[in-house]
Amino acid sequence: MTLLAIHAKGEPGYDAALRTLDARGETDLGAVEPAVRAILEEVRARGDDALRELTARFESRALGPIVLDDATWRGLARSVEPRVRDDLVAAAARIERYHRRQIDVGFAFEDDDGARLGLRILPLDAAGVYAPGGKARYPSSVLMAAVPARVAGVVRIVLATPSPTAEVLAAAEVAGVTEVVDLGGAQAIAALAFGTGSVVPVSVIVGPGNLYVACAKKLVSGRVAIDGIAGPSEILVVADDRASPELVAADLLSQAEHDEAAYPLLACVSRAFAERVAEAVEEQLATLPRRAIAEASVRAHGVALVCGSIDEALEVADRIAPEHLALEVADPDAVLPQVGAAGAIFLGDHTPEAVGDYVAGPSHVLPTGGAARHTPPLGVWHFVRRSSVIAYDRRTLLAHGPLIERLARMEGLEAHARAVSLRTKTRPT
């Protein structure tokens, strides 16, 4: 028996595996919600004092300056090796180039009866970028979240991260971060949302975190905007029999090494291929530095679904709506129109998911747990506000007035009708 569970269509385990995957996005936020609510209320009520106490309680460290001195953090950022900074600059340039194509300037037009209408788009005042600590640090995630905010025109970009490393701070400087807050966990989200004596609140909070961070973002949503509720990382590889089992295994492990809770998934068309991939996974695990994490992920959540055809495999992909979807098939462009929901789609044998993590350009902050059905990747659109613009002159109001009044009175809203009739001097008919 291999670490990667193999289920063929028609076998009892196949449908059960799919049902399990359907439910993977139902993260048990309820289990931590009471604790998170308490943290949010503590920070709201007691500000910086609560932040210091919570940091000592959860991170076993004494919190120094909450908002880092600008010269101090930028000095540490510039202490990294020149090659590290050059690499971050190169990646940031590609991310910026991609996201500049997302800029929407709105529109304005005058319709046939004289109404002037439009959509006004302005950057948000301030954005909060959360970067977790814990098992690994990801300077790339700072780039992927902060660069789109800068491209959108956000002037104030606040990075919240606990005990930031020089590499994380270098990424922050390159990306355009203007403030760094030495906070992690739900208390960091609370500070960004409500503000404290030291931290000025923001308008949107983006970036992944643990269960407590995800729950905190959910609870402050509405007071601030959020990008989504991030769950464990996931990849679904759709492969035909001509694909390389070694490459497919490498792609599965590229997600498995993130976290024990990650989902490395395969949809293919033969059991023999699935077995070769399973063997390659175990061979490659033997030399992975993060073997324990990756192996736990594969053991808990690694699944290979053997479908009757590539068309059926693509139907499975649409049902799962994965964060990352890799199409390792003979002609990926030909099957792309059949793909429905996915956070990011990687076409062909030479497009590993890792290119999306670092240098391709699109943000790697993506919807997980099936949320790709309705939630987009992080983009410029998360950092702007939109306002409808409407201007009538008397001629246009006279033309539309009778219709507006009839609709208003149909709904029993006489004051609405009178707001028009007082301007047009019409009377109820």
Protein backbone atom coordinates (compact mmCIF):
# COMPACT_ATOMS: atom_id res chain seq x y z
CA MET A 1 0.00 0.00 0.00
CA THR A 2 1.38 3.41 -1.00
CA LEU A 3 1.22 6.70 0.87
CA LEU A 4 -0.78 8.17 -2.02
CA ALA A 5 -4.29 6.68 -1.85
CA ILE A 6 -5.45 5.44 -5.27
CA HIS A 7 -9.16 5.20 -6.10
CA ALA A 8 -10.51 4.21 -9.52
CA LYS A 9 -13.91 5.25 -10.80
CA GLY A 10 -16.43 2.53 -10.10
CA GLU A 11 -14.71 1.42 -6.92
CA PRO A 12 -16.39 2.18 -3.56
CA GLY A 13 -13.56 4.43 -2.39
CA TYR A 14 -13.77 6.74 -5.41
CA ASP A 15 -17.06 8.46 -4.57
CA ALA A 16 -16.16 8.58 -0.89
CA ALA A 17 -12.88 10.29 -1.70
CA LEU A 18 -14.67 12.88 -3.82
CA ARG A 19 -17.17 13.57 -1.06
CA THR A 20 -14.31 14.09 1.37
CA LEU A 21 -12.68 16.52 -1.02
CA ASP A 22 -15.98 18.36 -1.50
CA ALA A 23 -16.01 19.07 2.24
CA ARG A 24 -12.36 20.08 2.60
CA GLY A 25 -13.16 23.81 2.61
CA GLU A 26 -15.36 23.50 5.70
CA THR A 27 -12.57 24.53 8.04
CA ASP A 28 -13.57 24.18 11.65
CA LEU A 29 -13.41 27.85 12.52
CA GLY A 30 -16.10 27.28 15.10
CA ALA A 31 -13.69 25.43 17.36
CA VAL A 32 -11.45 28.48 17.73
CA GLU A 33 -14.04 31.23 17.34
CA PRO A 34 -14.66 31.82 21.08
CA ALA A 35 -10.94 32.25 21.70
CA VAL A 36 -10.55 34.51 18.68
CA ARG A 37 -13.51 36.67 19.71
CA ALA A 38 -11.90 37.10 23.11
CA ILE A 39 -8.62 38.19 21.50
CA LEU A 40 -10.40 40.69 19.24
CA GLU A 41 -12.28 42.18 22.18
CA GLU A 42 -9.13 42.42 24.29
CA VAL A 43 -7.32 44.34 21.56
CA ARG A 44 -10.32 46.56 20.85
CA ALA A 45 -10.69 47.42 24.53
CA ARG A 46 -7.08 47.67 25.70
CA GLY A 47 -5.05 48.33 22.57
CA ASP A 48 -1.28 48.11 22.88
CA ASP A 49 -1.38 46.67 26.41
CA ALA A 50 -3.41 43.73 25.12
CA LEU A 51 -1.03 43.25 22.19
CA ARG A 52 1.92 42.97 24.55
CA GLU A 53 0.17 40.54 26.86
CA LEU A 54 -1.14 38.37 24.02
CA THR A 55 2.27 38.23 22.34
CA ALA A 56 3.88 37.12 25.59
CA ARG A 57 1.14 34.52 26.10
CA PHE A 58 1.12 33.00 22.63
CA GLU A 59 4.66 33.58 21.38
CA SER A 60 6.66 33.55 24.62
CA ARG A 61 8.45 36.77 23.74
CA ALA A 62 8.47 40.33 25.00
CA LEU A 63 7.18 42.72 22.40
CA GLY A 64 9.45 45.70 21.69
CA PRO A 65 8.29 48.54 19.46
CA ILE A 66 5.01 47.43 17.87
CA VAL A 67 5.45 49.61 14.80
CA LEU A 68 9.08 49.28 13.78
CA ASP A 69 11.11 52.42 13.31
CA ASP A 70 11.39 53.11 9.60
CA ALA A 71 15.16 53.49 9.54
CA THR A 72 15.62 50.36 11.65
CA TRP A 73 13.58 47.98 9.53
CA ARG A 74 14.86 49.40 6.25
CA GLY A 75 18.41 49.09 7.53
CA LEU A 76 17.84 45.43 8.36
CA ALA A 77 16.20 44.93 4.97
CA ARG A 78 19.33 46.20 3.26
CA SER A 79 21.55 43.82 5.20
CA VAL A 80 20.63 40.85 3.01
CA GLU A 81 23.06 39.51 0.44
CA PRO A 82 23.02 41.53 -2.81
CA ARG A 83 21.92 38.44 -4.75
CA VAL A 84 18.90 38.01 -2.49
CA ARG A 85 17.82 41.59 -3.05
CA ASP A 86 18.42 41.30 -6.81
CA ASP A 87 16.23 38.19 -6.92
CA LEU A 88 13.45 39.91 -4.99
CA VAL A 89 13.64 42.93 -7.31
CA ALA A 90 13.46 40.67 -10.38
CA ALA A 91 10.43 38.81 -9.04
CA ALA A 92 8.70 42.05 -8.00
CA ALA A 93 9.17 43.51 -11.48
CA ARG A 94 7.40 40.54 -13.07
CA ILE A 95 4.57 40.69 -10.50
CA GLU A 96 4.14 44.40 -11.16
CA ARG A 97 4.16 43.96 -14.93
CA TYR A 98 1.35 41.42 -14.70
CA HIS A 99 -0.78 43.38 -12.26
CA ARG A 100 -0.54 46.64 -14.18
CA ARG A 101 -2.76 44.94 -16.76
CA GLN A 102 -5.44 44.61 -14.08
CA ILE A 103 -5.78 48.36 -13.56
CA ASP A 104 -9.36 49.48 -14.21
CA VAL A 105 -9.92 53.20 -14.74
CA GLY A 106 -13.71 52.96 -14.69
CA PHE A 107 -15.91 54.54 -17.34
CA ALA A 108 -18.22 57.45 -18.06
CA PHE A 109 -20.87 57.89 -20.75
CA GLU A 110 -24.03 59.81 -21.59
CA ASP A 111 -27.00 57.75 -22.62
CA ASP A 112 -29.56 58.66 -25.29
CA ASP A 113 -31.89 60.58 -22.96
CA GLY A 114 -29.15 62.66 -21.36
CA ALA A 115 -28.31 60.81 -18.16
CA ARG A 116 -24.59 60.96 -17.36
CA LEU A 117 -23.44 57.69 -15.81
CA GLY A 118 -20.16 56.24 -14.78
CA LEU A 119 -18.04 54.10 -12.50
CA ARG A 120 -15.41 55.85 -10.39
CA ILE A 121 -12.49 53.75 -9.12
CA LEU A 122 -10.07 54.96 -6.44
CA PRO A 123 -7.41 53.18 -4.39
CA LEU A 124 -8.16 52.31 -0.79
CA ASP A 125 -6.52 54.49 1.83
CA ALA A 126 -4.53 51.73 3.53
CA ALA A 127 -3.90 48.02 3.11
CA GLY A 128 -2.76 45.48 5.67
CA VAL A 129 -0.63 42.56 4.48
CA TYR A 130 -0.34 39.64 6.88
CA ALA A 131 2.71 37.38 6.60
CA PRO A 132 2.79 34.43 9.01
CA GLY A 133 5.71 33.25 11.10
CA GLY A 134 5.75 29.66 12.29
CA LYS A 135 7.21 26.75 10.32
CA ALA A 136 8.42 28.84 7.37
CA ARG A 137 8.80 32.43 6.22
CA TYR A 138 7.71 33.46 2.76
CA PRO A 139 9.20 36.72 1.45
CA SER A 140 7.55 35.79 -1.86
CA SER A 141 4.11 36.12 -0.24
CA VAL A 142 4.97 39.67 0.84
CA LEU A 143 5.75 40.50 -2.79
CA MET A 144 2.61 38.76 -4.04
CA ALA A 145 0.35 40.73 -1.68
CA ALA A 146 2.01 44.13 -1.43
CA VAL A 147 2.95 44.70 -5.09
CA PRO A 148 -0.70 44.54 -6.29
CA ALA A 149 -1.61 47.02 -3.54
CA ARG A 150 1.09 49.42 -4.71
CA VAL A 151 0.03 49.00 -8.34
CA ALA A 152 -3.55 49.83 -7.31
CA GLY A 153 -2.28 53.13 -5.90
CA VAL A 154 -2.55 52.40 -2.18
CA VAL A 155 -0.28 54.88 -0.43
CA ARG A 156 -0.12 53.24 2.99
CA ILE A 157 0.78 49.52 2.98
CA VAL A 158 1.26 47.93 6.40
CA LEU A 159 3.00 44.59 6.82
CA ALA A 160 2.08 42.65 9.96
CA THR A 161 4.43 39.77 10.73
CA PRO A 162 5.97 38.43 13.95
CA SER A 163 9.72 38.83 14.49
CA PRO A 164 10.40 39.65 10.82
CA THR A 165 13.58 38.33 9.21
CA ALA A 166 15.88 40.42 7.06
CA GLU A 167 14.63 38.60 3.94
CA VAL A 168 10.98 39.35 4.76
CA LEU A 169 11.86 43.00 5.38
CA ALA A 170 13.82 43.17 2.13
CA ALA A 171 10.76 41.87 0.28
CA ALA A 172 8.65 44.46 2.08
CA GLU A 173 10.89 47.32 1.01
CA VAL A 174 11.09 46.09 -2.59
CA ALA A 175 7.30 45.65 -2.74
CA GLY A 176 6.51 49.14 -1.46
CA VAL A 177 5.50 48.46 2.14
CA THR A 178 5.45 51.70 4.13
CA GLU A 179 5.06 50.37 7.71
CA VAL A 180 6.02 47.17 9.49
CA VAL A 181 4.14 45.94 12.56
CA ASP A 182 5.80 43.26 14.70
CA LEU A 183 2.65 41.24 15.36
CA GLY A 184 1.33 37.82 14.53
CA GLY A 185 -1.82 35.77 15.03
CA ALA A 186 -5.37 36.96 15.64
CA GLN A 187 -4.05 39.92 17.64
CA ALA A 188 -2.32 41.25 14.51
CA ILE A 189 -5.60 41.09 12.58
CA ALA A 190 -7.37 42.85 15.44
CA ALA A 191 -4.79 45.64 15.49
CA LEU A 192 -5.05 46.18 11.74
CA ALA A 193 -8.85 46.19 11.82
CA PHE A 194 -9.56 48.24 14.97
CA GLY A 195 -6.37 50.21 15.48
CA THR A 196 -4.53 50.72 18.77
CA GLY A 197 -2.39 53.44 20.27
CA SER A 198 0.46 52.40 17.99
CA VAL A 199 -1.30 50.87 14.98
CA VAL A 200 -3.48 52.96 12.68
CA PRO A 201 -6.28 50.81 11.20
CA VAL A 202 -6.41 49.81 7.53
CA SER A 203 -9.21 49.36 4.99
CA VAL A 204 -8.40 45.85 3.73
CA ILE A 205 -6.47 42.90 5.18
CA VAL A 206 -4.95 40.29 2.87
CA GLY A 207 -2.65 37.32 3.19
CA PRO A 208 -2.79 33.77 4.58
CA GLY A 209 -2.39 32.57 8.12
CA ASN A 210 -3.27 29.78 10.53
CA LEU A 211 -6.74 28.85 11.76
CA TYR A 212 -6.77 31.68 14.31
CA VAL A 213 -5.80 34.24 11.67
CA ALA A 214 -8.41 32.92 9.24
CA CYS A 215 -11.09 33.10 11.92
CA ALA A 216 -10.04 36.62 12.93
CA LYS A 217 -10.25 37.79 9.31
CA LYS A 218 -13.71 36.32 9.01
CA LEU A 219 -14.88 38.06 12.19
CA VAL A 220 -13.53 41.51 11.23
CA SER A 221 -14.85 41.24 7.67
CA GLY A 222 -17.31 44.06 7.21
CA ARG A 223 -15.35 46.46 9.36
CA VAL A 224 -12.58 45.95 6.82
CA ALA A 225 -12.44 44.14 3.50
CA ILE A 226 -10.59 40.82 3.29
CA ASP A 227 -9.28 38.77 0.41
CA GLY A 228 -10.84 35.52 1.64
CA ILE A 229 -10.52 32.79 4.25
CA ALA A 230 -7.40 30.81 3.40
CA GLY A 231 -7.21 27.11 4.16
CA PRO A 232 -4.45 24.57 3.53
CA SER A 233 -2.57 24.76 0.23
CA GLU A 234 -3.65 22.36 -2.51
CA ILE A 235 -2.78 21.20 -6.00
CA LEU A 236 -4.66 19.01 -8.45
CA VAL A 237 -2.62 17.58 -11.32
CA VAL A 238 -4.62 16.33 -14.30
CA ALA A 239 -2.33 14.01 -16.24
CA ASP A 240 -2.57 11.65 -19.18
CA ASP A 241 -0.48 8.51 -19.56
CA ARG A 242 2.22 10.27 -21.55
CA ALA A 243 3.02 12.60 -18.64
CA SER A 244 6.13 12.02 -16.55
CA PRO A 245 5.34 10.30 -13.22
CA GLU A 246 8.49 11.89 -11.76
CA LEU A 247 7.39 15.41 -12.71
CA VAL A 248 3.85 14.83 -11.46
CA ALA A 249 5.24 13.52 -8.16
CA ALA A 250 7.49 16.57 -7.83
CA ASP A 251 4.52 18.87 -8.37
CA LEU A 252 2.46 17.05 -5.75
CA LEU A 253 5.29 17.31 -3.24
CA SER A 254 5.80 21.00 -3.98
CA GLN A 255 2.49 21.56 -2.20
CA ALA A 256 2.80 18.77 0.36
CA GLU A 257 5.95 20.31 1.82
CA HIS A 258 4.05 23.48 2.77
CA ASP A 259 2.05 21.94 5.57
CA GLU A 260 0.86 18.63 6.97
CA ALA A 261 -2.68 19.75 6.11
CA ALA A 262 -1.94 20.41 2.40
CA TYR A 263 -3.77 18.49 -0.32
CA PRO A 264 -1.64 16.87 -3.07
CA LEU A 265 -4.19 15.50 -5.58
CA LEU A 266 -3.98 13.68 -8.91
CA ALA A 267 -6.63 12.92 -11.54
CA CYS A 268 -5.38 10.54 -14.23
CA VAL A 269 -6.70 7.88 -16.61
CA SER A 270 -4.99 4.64 -15.58
CA ARG A 271 -4.17 2.86 -12.34
CA ALA A 272 -0.74 1.92 -13.71
CA PHE A 273 0.14 5.60 -14.10
CA ALA A 274 -1.19 6.43 -10.63
CA GLU A 275 0.96 3.65 -9.16
CA ARG A 276 4.06 4.98 -10.92
CA VAL A 277 3.36 8.43 -9.52
CA ALA A 278 2.89 6.95 -6.04
CA GLU A 279 6.25 5.20 -6.30
CA ALA A 280 7.93 8.41 -7.48
CA VAL A 281 6.42 10.32 -4.56
CA GLU A 282 7.96 7.92 -2.06
CA GLU A 283 11.32 7.94 -3.84
CA GLN A 284 11.47 11.75 -3.82
CA LEU A 285 10.29 12.01 -0.23
CA ALA A 286 13.42 10.17 0.88
CA THR A 287 15.63 13.16 0.07
CA LEU A 288 13.33 16.08 0.90
CA PRO A 289 14.60 18.34 3.71
CA ARG A 290 10.97 18.83 4.82
CA ARG A 291 10.21 15.14 4.50
CA ALA A 292 8.24 14.83 7.73
CA ILE A 293 5.83 17.59 6.74
CA ALA A 294 5.42 16.41 3.13
CA GLU A 295 4.98 12.78 4.13
CA ALA A 296 2.30 13.67 6.68
CA SER A 297 0.46 15.66 3.99
CA VAL A 298 0.54 12.81 1.47
CA ARG A 299 -0.48 10.26 4.09
CA ALA A 300 -3.42 12.34 5.34
CA HIS A 301 -4.67 14.00 2.15
CA GLY A 302 -2.83 12.61 -0.88
CA VAL A 303 -5.30 11.11 -3.36
CA ALA A 304 -5.03 9.80 -6.92
CA LEU A 305 -8.38 9.51 -8.71
CA VAL A 306 -8.33 7.21 -11.74
CA CYS A 307 -10.96 8.49 -14.17
CA GLY A 308 -12.33 6.97 -17.34
CA SER A 309 -10.97 9.73 -19.59
CA ILE A 310 -9.35 13.16 -19.54
CA ASP A 311 -12.82 14.67 -19.98
CA GLU A 312 -13.91 12.95 -16.77
CA ALA A 313 -10.74 14.10 -15.03
CA LEU A 314 -11.57 17.67 -16.01
CA GLU A 315 -15.07 17.23 -14.61
CA VAL A 316 -13.46 16.15 -11.35
CA ALA A 317 -11.24 19.25 -11.48
CA ASP A 318 -14.27 21.48 -11.91
CA ARG A 319 -15.97 19.80 -8.97
CA ILE A 320 -12.93 20.19 -6.73
CA ALA A 321 -12.20 23.79 -7.84
CA PRO A 322 -8.57 23.58 -6.68
CA GLU A 323 -6.28 26.37 -5.64
CA HIS A 324 -3.68 25.17 -8.18
CA LEU A 325 -4.63 23.14 -11.26
CA ALA A 326 -1.81 21.66 -13.37
CA LEU A 327 -2.73 20.32 -16.80
CA GLU A 328 0.03 17.85 -17.67
CA VAL A 329 -1.60 16.51 -20.81
CA ALA A 330 -0.60 16.30 -24.48
CA ASP A 331 -2.45 19.47 -25.54
CA PRO A 332 -3.32 21.60 -22.51
CA ASP A 333 -4.51 24.55 -24.61
CA ALA A 334 -7.07 22.31 -26.29
CA VAL A 335 -8.63 21.24 -22.99
CA LEU A 336 -8.38 24.63 -21.27
CA PRO A 337 -11.90 25.64 -22.43
CA GLN A 338 -13.25 22.68 -20.44
CA VAL A 339 -11.75 23.99 -17.21
CA GLY A 340 -14.18 25.77 -14.94
CA ALA A 341 -13.19 26.84 -11.44
CA ALA A 342 -9.54 27.01 -10.39
CA GLY A 343 -7.42 29.58 -8.60
CA ALA A 344 -4.50 29.33 -11.02
CA ILE A 345 -4.08 27.05 -14.03
CA PHE A 346 -0.68 25.76 -15.14
CA LEU A 347 -0.44 24.57 -18.72
CA GLY A 348 1.89 21.80 -19.84
CA ASP A 349 4.87 19.81 -18.65
CA HIS A 350 7.18 22.83 -18.48
CA THR A 351 4.95 24.93 -16.22
CA PRO A 352 5.41 23.65 -12.67
CA GLU A 353 3.32 25.29 -9.97
CA ALA A 354 6.57 26.71 -8.56
CA VAL A 355 6.76 29.27 -11.38
CA GLY A 356 3.50 30.72 -10.09
CA ASP A 357 4.83 30.83 -6.55
CA TYR A 358 7.74 33.05 -7.49
CA VAL A 359 8.19 34.71 -10.85
CA ALA A 360 5.41 34.13 -13.41
CA GLY A 361 3.57 37.29 -12.34
CA PRO A 362 0.05 36.48 -11.08
CA SER A 363 -0.28 36.65 -7.32
CA HIS A 364 0.10 33.28 -5.62
CA VAL A 365 -2.42 34.33 -2.97
CA LEU A 366 -5.27 32.13 -4.21
CA PRO A 367 -8.66 30.81 -3.06
CA THR A 368 -8.55 27.40 -1.38
CA GLY A 369 -11.03 24.75 -0.30
CA GLY A 370 -13.22 25.11 -3.39
CA ALA A 371 -13.63 28.88 -3.00
CA ALA A 372 -12.30 29.31 -6.56
CA ARG A 373 -15.92 28.77 -7.61
CA HIS A 374 -16.68 32.31 -6.50
CA THR A 375 -13.49 34.03 -5.25
CA PRO A 376 -10.74 35.41 -7.51
CA PRO A 377 -6.99 35.35 -6.96
CA LEU A 378 -5.59 38.32 -5.07
CA GLY A 379 -5.36 41.23 -7.48
CA VAL A 380 -5.53 44.97 -7.94
CA TRP A 381 -9.32 44.70 -7.54
CA HIS A 382 -8.89 43.91 -3.82
CA PHE A 383 -7.31 47.31 -3.17
CA VAL A 384 -9.76 49.73 -4.78
CA ARG A 385 -13.20 51.13 -4.03
CA ARG A 386 -15.82 51.65 -6.70
CA SER A 387 -18.54 54.29 -6.76
CA SER A 388 -21.37 54.64 -9.24
CA VAL A 389 -21.72 58.16 -10.64
CA ILE A 390 -25.17 59.42 -11.72
CA ALA A 391 -26.12 62.88 -13.05
CA TYR A 392 -29.59 63.85 -14.39
CA ASP A 393 -30.63 67.17 -15.83
CA ARG A 394 -34.25 68.38 -15.78
CA ARG A 395 -34.99 67.04 -19.25
CA THR A 396 -33.83 63.53 -18.30
CA LEU A 397 -35.71 63.56 -14.98
CA LEU A 398 -38.89 64.63 -16.79
CA ALA A 399 -38.41 61.72 -19.18
CA HIS A 400 -37.84 59.13 -16.46
CA GLY A 401 -40.03 60.68 -13.76
CA PRO A 402 -43.34 58.92 -14.46
CA LEU A 403 -41.64 55.49 -14.55
CA ILE A 404 -39.75 56.16 -11.30
CA GLU A 405 -42.92 57.34 -9.55
CA ARG A 406 -44.93 54.31 -10.68
CA LEU A 407 -42.23 51.91 -9.51
CA ALA A 408 -41.89 53.71 -6.16
CA ARG A 409 -45.65 53.68 -5.50
CA MET A 410 -45.86 50.04 -6.54
CA GLU A 411 -43.48 49.37 -3.63
CA GLY A 412 -45.39 51.63 -1.27
CA LEU A 413 -42.61 54.21 -1.06
CA GLU A 414 -44.47 57.49 -1.50
CA ALA A 415 -41.55 59.64 -0.29
CA HIS A 416 -39.46 58.24 -3.14
CA ALA A 417 -42.15 59.24 -5.63
CA ARG A 418 -42.51 62.71 -4.13
CA ALA A 419 -38.75 63.28 -4.29
CA VAL A 420 -39.25 63.07 -8.05
CA SER A 421 -42.63 64.74 -8.37
CA LEU A 422 -41.55 67.80 -6.37
CA ARG A 423 -38.86 68.32 -8.98
CA THR A 424 -41.03 67.63 -12.02
CA LYS A 425 -44.30 68.98 -10.61
CA THR A 426 -46.14 65.82 -11.67
CA ARG A 427 -48.99 64.40 -9.66
CA PRO A 428 -50.11 60.81 -8.98
CA THR A 429 -52.32 59.36 -11.70
